[in-house]
């Protein structure tokens, strides 16, 4: 006889609005809305560049807040100093940012030009 089928584990908790994610194509974004009118729930995700996609949780990867801050620091630095932003410099900046309130960090991570 075949082994008994395992019961599925509990569904993961829905992602909160503003949660930083990486979409399946590698684009960074944040959760704009969670829709519960279907199962599993699906999300509106605001991606960098202004694009919005709808997808299920399986198409998203959570982004570590500190890694997102460090990546944005590298992108926003003037081109002339980017080579000098070694791992130690970026890590030190990340440690300083960890001390900030999460609301300040979330505001800093918002794409430019959006209200």
Foldseek 3Di string as FASTA:
>chain_A
DDDDDDDDDDDDDDDDFLFWKAFLVRFIWTFHDWAVPDPPIWTFTQTPPGDTDIGHPVRIDGDDLLVLLLVVVLVPDPPVCSVVCDPVNSVVVSVVVVPDDVVVSSVVSDHPPDD
